[in-house]
Amino acid sequence: MARKDVQTLEQWAELAKQAKYDPVAVARLLNVGPRQLRRYTRKILNTTPQRWLDEQRLTQATAMLKSQELVKTVAFDLGFKTVAHFSNRFKARYGVCPKEYREGRAIISTVGEAANLKP
């Protein structure tokens, strides 16, 4: 099998979605082994596949929550096993729980910090 080249960040993001944010599935789609995928992501993205995929999932979560999707729907659509796990990861990354973000009570800056807004 020949490997598949991915040149742009947009291509990487699309590949992540296709693979449902699973590094083994990403490697399969690229026709490479998991070790080679680690080398690629270290060289191109300067991180591990799992960390990059987790970041992509959380970025996608903010877009989904902005469109008023339910927290439960977002969690399961992005492959989190439980809503609690998703909520914990979201809050650890952005400093605010997904429900507060969805309801517009917090704004997430580009560096990932949240500002709580009073209702």
N, C-alpha and C. Protein backbone atom coordinates (compact mmCIF):
# COMPACT_ATOMS: atom_id res chain seq x y z
N MET A 1 0.82 -1.19 0.00
CA MET A 1 0.00 0.00 0.00
C MET A 1 0.87 1.25 0.00
N ALA A 2 0.53 2.19 -0.82
CA ALA A 2 1.24 3.46 -0.85
C ALA A 2 0.63 4.38 0.20
N ARG A 3 1.47 5.21 0.79
CA ARG A 3 0.95 6.14 1.79
C ARG A 3 0.27 7.31 1.11
N LYS A 4 -0.61 7.95 1.82
CA LYS A 4 -1.37 9.09 1.31
C LYS A 4 -0.74 10.35 1.89
N ASP A 5 -0.47 11.34 1.05
CA ASP A 5 0.11 12.59 1.52
C ASP A 5 -0.97 13.58 1.94
N VAL A 6 -0.74 14.23 3.07
CA VAL A 6 -1.63 15.27 3.56
C VAL A 6 -0.75 16.50 3.74
N GLN A 7 -1.06 17.55 2.99
CA GLN A 7 -0.18 18.71 2.93
C GLN A 7 -0.61 19.88 3.81
N THR A 8 -1.91 20.11 3.95
CA THR A 8 -2.38 21.32 4.65
C THR A 8 -3.05 20.97 5.97
N LEU A 9 -3.15 21.96 6.84
CA LEU A 9 -3.84 21.75 8.11
C LEU A 9 -5.31 21.43 7.89
N GLU A 10 -5.89 22.01 6.85
CA GLU A 10 -7.29 21.72 6.53
C GLU A 10 -7.45 20.24 6.16
N GLN A 11 -6.49 19.71 5.41
CA GLN A 11 -6.54 18.29 5.06
C GLN A 11 -6.40 17.42 6.31
N TRP A 12 -5.51 17.83 7.22
CA TRP A 12 -5.34 17.08 8.47
C TRP A 12 -6.63 17.11 9.28
N ALA A 13 -7.27 18.29 9.35
CA ALA A 13 -8.51 18.42 10.12
C ALA A 13 -9.62 17.56 9.51
N GLU A 14 -9.72 17.54 8.19
CA GLU A 14 -10.72 16.72 7.53
C GLU A 14 -10.45 15.23 7.76
N LEU A 15 -9.19 14.87 7.73
CA LEU A 15 -8.81 13.48 7.99
C LEU A 15 -9.18 13.08 9.42
N ALA A 16 -8.97 14.00 10.36
CA ALA A 16 -9.33 13.74 11.76
C ALA A 16 -10.82 13.46 11.89
N LYS A 17 -11.64 14.27 11.21
CA LYS A 17 -13.09 14.06 11.24
C LYS A 17 -13.47 12.72 10.64
N GLN A 18 -12.88 12.39 9.50
CA GLN A 18 -13.18 11.12 8.84
C GLN A 18 -12.84 9.94 9.74
N ALA A 19 -11.77 10.08 10.50
CA ALA A 19 -11.31 9.01 11.38
C ALA A 19 -11.99 9.04 12.75
N LYS A 20 -12.92 9.97 12.92
CA LYS A 20 -13.63 10.14 14.19
C LYS A 20 -12.66 10.34 15.35
N TYR A 21 -11.59 11.07 15.05
CA TYR A 21 -10.60 11.49 16.04
C TYR A 21 -9.87 10.32 16.70
N ASP A 22 -9.71 9.24 15.96
CA ASP A 22 -9.01 8.04 16.44
C ASP A 22 -7.68 7.93 15.73
N PRO A 23 -6.54 7.95 16.46
CA PRO A 23 -5.24 7.91 15.80
C PRO A 23 -4.99 6.64 14.98
N VAL A 24 -5.50 5.51 15.42
CA VAL A 24 -5.34 4.27 14.66
C VAL A 24 -6.07 4.38 13.32
N ALA A 25 -7.25 4.97 13.34
CA ALA A 25 -8.02 5.16 12.10
C ALA A 25 -7.34 6.17 11.19
N VAL A 26 -6.73 7.22 11.75
CA VAL A 26 -5.99 8.19 10.95
C VAL A 26 -4.83 7.49 10.25
N ALA A 27 -4.09 6.67 10.98
CA ALA A 27 -2.97 5.93 10.39
C ALA A 27 -3.46 5.04 9.25
N ARG A 28 -4.58 4.38 9.48
CA ARG A 28 -5.15 3.51 8.45
C ARG A 28 -5.52 4.30 7.19
N LEU A 29 -6.15 5.47 7.38
CA LEU A 29 -6.53 6.31 6.24
C LEU A 29 -5.31 6.81 5.46
N LEU A 30 -4.21 7.02 6.17
CA LEU A 30 -2.98 7.48 5.53
C LEU A 30 -2.14 6.32 4.96
N ASN A 31 -2.57 5.11 5.25
CA ASN A 31 -1.83 3.91 4.83
C ASN A 31 -0.43 3.85 5.43
N VAL A 32 -0.35 4.22 6.71
CA VAL A 32 0.90 4.13 7.46
C VAL A 32 0.62 3.45 8.79
N GLY A 33 1.67 3.05 9.46
CA GLY A 33 1.53 2.47 10.79
C GLY A 33 1.43 3.56 11.85
N PRO A 34 1.02 3.19 13.06
CA PRO A 34 0.91 4.16 14.15
C PRO A 34 2.23 4.88 14.46
N ARG A 35 3.34 4.14 14.37
CA ARG A 35 4.65 4.75 14.66
C ARG A 35 4.99 5.82 13.61
N GLN A 36 4.70 5.52 12.35
CA GLN A 36 4.97 6.50 11.29
C GLN A 36 4.06 7.72 11.46
N LEU A 37 2.83 7.50 11.88
CA LEU A 37 1.93 8.62 12.15
C LEU A 37 2.49 9.51 13.25
N ARG A 38 3.06 8.91 14.29
CA ARG A 38 3.69 9.71 15.36
C ARG A 38 4.82 10.56 14.79
N ARG A 39 5.62 9.98 13.90
CA ARG A 39 6.70 10.75 13.29
C ARG A 39 6.15 11.91 12.47
N TYR A 40 5.11 11.66 11.67
CA TYR A 40 4.50 12.71 10.86
C TYR A 40 3.99 13.85 11.73
N THR A 41 3.19 13.50 12.74
CA THR A 41 2.60 14.57 13.55
C THR A 41 3.66 15.32 14.35
N ARG A 42 4.69 14.63 14.78
CA ARG A 42 5.77 15.31 15.50
C ARG A 42 6.45 16.31 14.57
N LYS A 43 6.70 15.90 13.34
CA LYS A 43 7.39 16.76 12.38
C LYS A 43 6.50 17.89 11.86
N ILE A 44 5.28 17.57 11.49
CA ILE A 44 4.40 18.54 10.84
C ILE A 44 3.63 19.39 11.84
N LEU A 45 3.11 18.77 12.89
CA LEU A 45 2.24 19.46 13.84
C LEU A 45 2.92 19.74 15.18
N ASN A 46 4.13 19.22 15.37
CA ASN A 46 4.90 19.42 16.58
C ASN A 46 4.20 18.92 17.84
N THR A 47 3.50 17.80 17.71
CA THR A 47 2.81 17.20 18.85
C THR A 47 2.55 15.73 18.55
N THR A 48 1.96 15.05 19.50
CA THR A 48 1.60 13.65 19.28
C THR A 48 0.25 13.57 18.57
N PRO A 49 -0.02 12.46 17.91
CA PRO A 49 -1.32 12.33 17.23
C PRO A 49 -2.50 12.50 18.19
N GLN A 50 -2.44 11.86 19.36
CA GLN A 50 -3.56 11.92 20.28
C GLN A 50 -3.80 13.33 20.80
N ARG A 51 -2.74 14.04 21.14
CA ARG A 51 -2.91 15.42 21.63
C ARG A 51 -3.51 16.31 20.55
N TRP A 52 -3.03 16.15 19.33
CA TRP A 52 -3.56 16.97 18.24
C TRP A 52 -5.02 16.64 17.98
N LEU A 53 -5.35 15.35 17.97
CA LEU A 53 -6.73 14.94 17.74
C LEU A 53 -7.65 15.41 18.86
N ASP A 54 -7.18 15.34 20.09
CA ASP A 54 -7.97 15.84 21.22
C ASP A 54 -8.24 17.34 21.07
N GLU A 55 -7.23 18.08 20.66
CA GLU A 55 -7.39 19.52 20.45
C GLU A 55 -8.39 19.79 19.32
N GLN A 56 -8.33 19.01 18.27
CA GLN A 56 -9.27 19.16 17.15
C GLN A 56 -10.70 18.87 17.61
N ARG A 57 -10.86 17.85 18.43
CA ARG A 57 -12.20 17.52 18.94
C ARG A 57 -12.77 18.66 19.76
N LEU A 58 -11.94 19.23 20.63
CA LEU A 58 -12.43 20.32 21.48
C LEU A 58 -12.71 21.58 20.67
N THR A 59 -11.92 21.83 19.64
CA THR A 59 -12.18 22.96 18.75
C THR A 59 -13.50 22.75 18.02
N GLN A 60 -13.71 21.55 17.54
CA GLN A 60 -14.98 21.22 16.86
C GLN A 60 -16.15 21.35 17.84
N ALA A 61 -15.92 21.00 19.09
CA ALA A 61 -16.97 21.09 20.11
C ALA A 61 -17.45 22.53 20.28
N THR A 62 -16.51 23.48 20.26
CA THR A 62 -16.93 24.88 20.42
C THR A 62 -17.85 25.30 19.28
N ALA A 63 -17.53 24.89 18.06
CA ALA A 63 -18.36 25.23 16.91
C ALA A 63 -19.75 24.59 17.04
N MET A 64 -19.78 23.34 17.47
CA MET A 64 -21.06 22.64 17.62
C MET A 64 -21.90 23.27 18.73
N LEU A 65 -21.27 23.64 19.83
CA LEU A 65 -22.00 24.26 20.93
C LEU A 65 -22.53 25.64 20.54
N LYS A 66 -21.77 26.37 19.73
CA LYS A 66 -22.23 27.68 19.26
C LYS A 66 -23.50 27.54 18.43
N SER A 67 -23.64 26.43 17.73
CA SER A 67 -24.84 26.22 16.91
C SER A 67 -25.98 25.65 17.76
N GLN A 68 -25.81 25.72 19.09
CA GLN A 68 -26.84 25.34 20.05
C GLN A 68 -27.15 23.84 20.11
N GLU A 69 -26.19 23.02 19.70
CA GLU A 69 -26.40 21.58 19.86
C GLU A 69 -26.30 21.23 21.34
N LEU A 70 -27.01 20.21 21.74
CA LEU A 70 -26.98 19.76 23.13
C LEU A 70 -25.60 19.23 23.49
N VAL A 71 -25.21 19.43 24.73
CA VAL A 71 -23.91 18.98 25.20
C VAL A 71 -23.78 17.47 25.00
N LYS A 72 -24.83 16.74 25.32
CA LYS A 72 -24.81 15.28 25.16
C LYS A 72 -24.57 14.88 23.71
N THR A 73 -25.24 15.56 22.79
CA THR A 73 -25.09 15.27 21.36
C THR A 73 -23.65 15.54 20.91
N VAL A 74 -23.11 16.67 21.33
CA VAL A 74 -21.74 17.04 20.96
C VAL A 74 -20.77 15.99 21.48
N ALA A 75 -20.92 15.62 22.74
CA ALA A 75 -20.01 14.64 23.35
C ALA A 75 -19.99 13.33 22.56
N PHE A 76 -21.15 12.80 22.26
CA PHE A 76 -21.19 11.51 21.58
C PHE A 76 -20.82 11.61 20.11
N ASP A 77 -21.19 12.72 19.45
CA ASP A 77 -20.80 12.91 18.05
C ASP A 77 -19.29 13.00 17.88
N LEU A 78 -18.62 13.51 18.88
CA LEU A 78 -17.17 13.66 18.81
C LEU A 78 -16.42 12.47 19.40
N GLY A 79 -17.14 11.43 19.77
CA GLY A 79 -16.50 10.19 20.18
C GLY A 79 -16.11 10.09 21.65
N PHE A 80 -16.60 10.98 22.48
CA PHE A 80 -16.33 10.85 23.92
C PHE A 80 -17.22 9.74 24.46
N LYS A 81 -16.69 8.94 25.36
CA LYS A 81 -17.44 7.80 25.90
C LYS A 81 -18.59 8.22 26.80
N THR A 82 -18.37 9.32 27.54
CA THR A 82 -19.42 9.82 28.43
C THR A 82 -19.48 11.34 28.35
N VAL A 83 -20.61 11.89 28.74
CA VAL A 83 -20.76 13.35 28.79
C VAL A 83 -19.84 13.93 29.85
N ALA A 84 -19.69 13.22 30.96
CA ALA A 84 -18.81 13.69 32.04
C ALA A 84 -17.37 13.83 31.56
N HIS A 85 -16.90 12.84 30.82
CA HIS A 85 -15.53 12.90 30.29
C HIS A 85 -15.37 14.10 29.37
N PHE A 86 -16.33 14.31 28.48
CA PHE A 86 -16.30 15.46 27.59
C PHE A 86 -16.29 16.76 28.39
N SER A 87 -17.19 16.87 29.35
CA SER A 87 -17.29 18.09 30.15
C SER A 87 -16.00 18.38 30.89
N ASN A 88 -15.40 17.34 31.46
CA ASN A 88 -14.13 17.52 32.19
C ASN A 88 -13.03 18.00 31.26
N ARG A 89 -12.92 17.40 30.08
CA ARG A 89 -11.88 17.79 29.11
C ARG A 89 -12.12 19.22 28.62
N PHE A 90 -13.38 19.55 28.33
CA PHE A 90 -13.73 20.89 27.85
C PHE A 90 -13.38 21.94 28.91
N LYS A 91 -13.77 21.67 30.13
CA LYS A 91 -13.50 22.63 31.21
C LYS A 91 -12.01 22.75 31.49
N ALA A 92 -11.28 21.65 31.42
CA ALA A 92 -9.84 21.69 31.64
C ALA A 92 -9.16 22.54 30.55
N ARG A 93 -9.66 22.44 29.34
CA ARG A 93 -9.06 23.17 28.21
C ARG A 93 -9.47 24.64 28.19
N TYR A 94 -10.75 24.91 28.43
CA TYR A 94 -11.26 26.27 28.25
C TYR A 94 -11.62 26.99 29.55
N GLY A 95 -11.63 26.29 30.67
CA GLY A 95 -11.91 26.95 31.94
C GLY A 95 -13.38 27.20 32.21
N VAL A 96 -14.26 26.63 31.41
CA VAL A 96 -15.69 26.81 31.58
C VAL A 96 -16.37 25.53 31.12
N CYS A 97 -17.49 25.20 31.74
CA CYS A 97 -18.17 23.96 31.34
C CYS A 97 -18.91 24.18 30.02
N PRO A 98 -19.13 23.11 29.25
CA PRO A 98 -19.78 23.23 27.95
C PRO A 98 -21.17 23.85 28.01
N LYS A 99 -21.92 23.55 29.05
CA LYS A 99 -23.28 24.09 29.17
C LYS A 99 -23.25 25.62 29.28
N GLU A 100 -22.34 26.15 30.10
CA GLU A 100 -22.21 27.59 30.24
C GLU A 100 -21.80 28.23 28.92
N TYR A 101 -20.89 27.58 28.23
CA TYR A 101 -20.44 28.09 26.92
C TYR A 101 -21.61 28.09 25.93
N ARG A 102 -22.34 26.99 25.89
CA ARG A 102 -23.48 26.85 24.97
C ARG A 102 -24.54 27.91 25.23
N GLU A 103 -24.78 28.20 26.50
CA GLU A 103 -25.82 29.17 26.87
C GLU A 103 -25.35 30.62 26.73
N GLY A 104 -24.09 30.79 26.30
CA GLY A 104 -23.58 32.13 26.07
C GLY A 104 -23.15 32.87 27.32
N ARG A 105 -22.97 32.12 28.42
CA ARG A 105 -22.56 32.77 29.67
C ARG A 105 -21.05 32.89 29.78
N ALA A 106 -20.33 32.45 28.74
CA ALA A 106 -18.87 32.55 28.75
C ALA A 106 -18.39 32.71 27.32
N ILE A 107 -17.30 33.42 27.19
CA ILE A 107 -16.67 33.60 25.89
C ILE A 107 -15.27 33.00 25.98
N ILE A 108 -14.93 32.18 24.99
CA ILE A 108 -13.61 31.56 24.98
C ILE A 108 -12.71 32.36 24.06
N SER A 109 -11.56 32.76 24.59
CA SER A 109 -10.61 33.51 23.77
C SER A 109 -9.80 32.55 22.91
N THR A 110 -9.00 33.09 22.03
CA THR A 110 -8.20 32.26 21.14
C THR A 110 -7.14 31.46 21.87
N VAL A 111 -6.75 31.89 23.06
CA VAL A 111 -5.78 31.13 23.83
C VAL A 111 -6.44 30.12 24.76
N GLY A 112 -7.77 30.05 24.71
CA GLY A 112 -8.46 29.01 25.45
C GLY A 112 -8.94 29.38 26.83
N GLU A 113 -8.80 30.63 27.23
CA GLU A 113 -9.31 31.02 28.53
C GLU A 113 -10.72 31.54 28.37
N ALA A 114 -11.51 31.38 29.38
CA ALA A 114 -12.91 31.81 29.29
C ALA A 114 -13.14 33.01 30.21
N ALA A 115 -14.04 33.86 29.78
CA ALA A 115 -14.49 34.98 30.60
C ALA A 115 -15.96 34.74 30.92
N ASN A 116 -16.27 34.62 32.20
CA ASN A 116 -17.66 34.41 32.59
C ASN A 116 -18.45 35.70 32.50
N LEU A 117 -19.63 35.59 31.95
CA LEU A 117 -20.51 36.75 31.81
C LEU A 117 -21.67 36.60 32.79
N LYS A 118 -22.03 37.68 33.43
CA LYS A 118 -23.16 37.66 34.36
C LYS A 118 -24.46 37.71 33.56
N PRO A 119 -25.45 36.88 33.92
CA PRO A 119 -26.73 36.93 33.19
C PRO A 119 -27.50 38.20 33.46
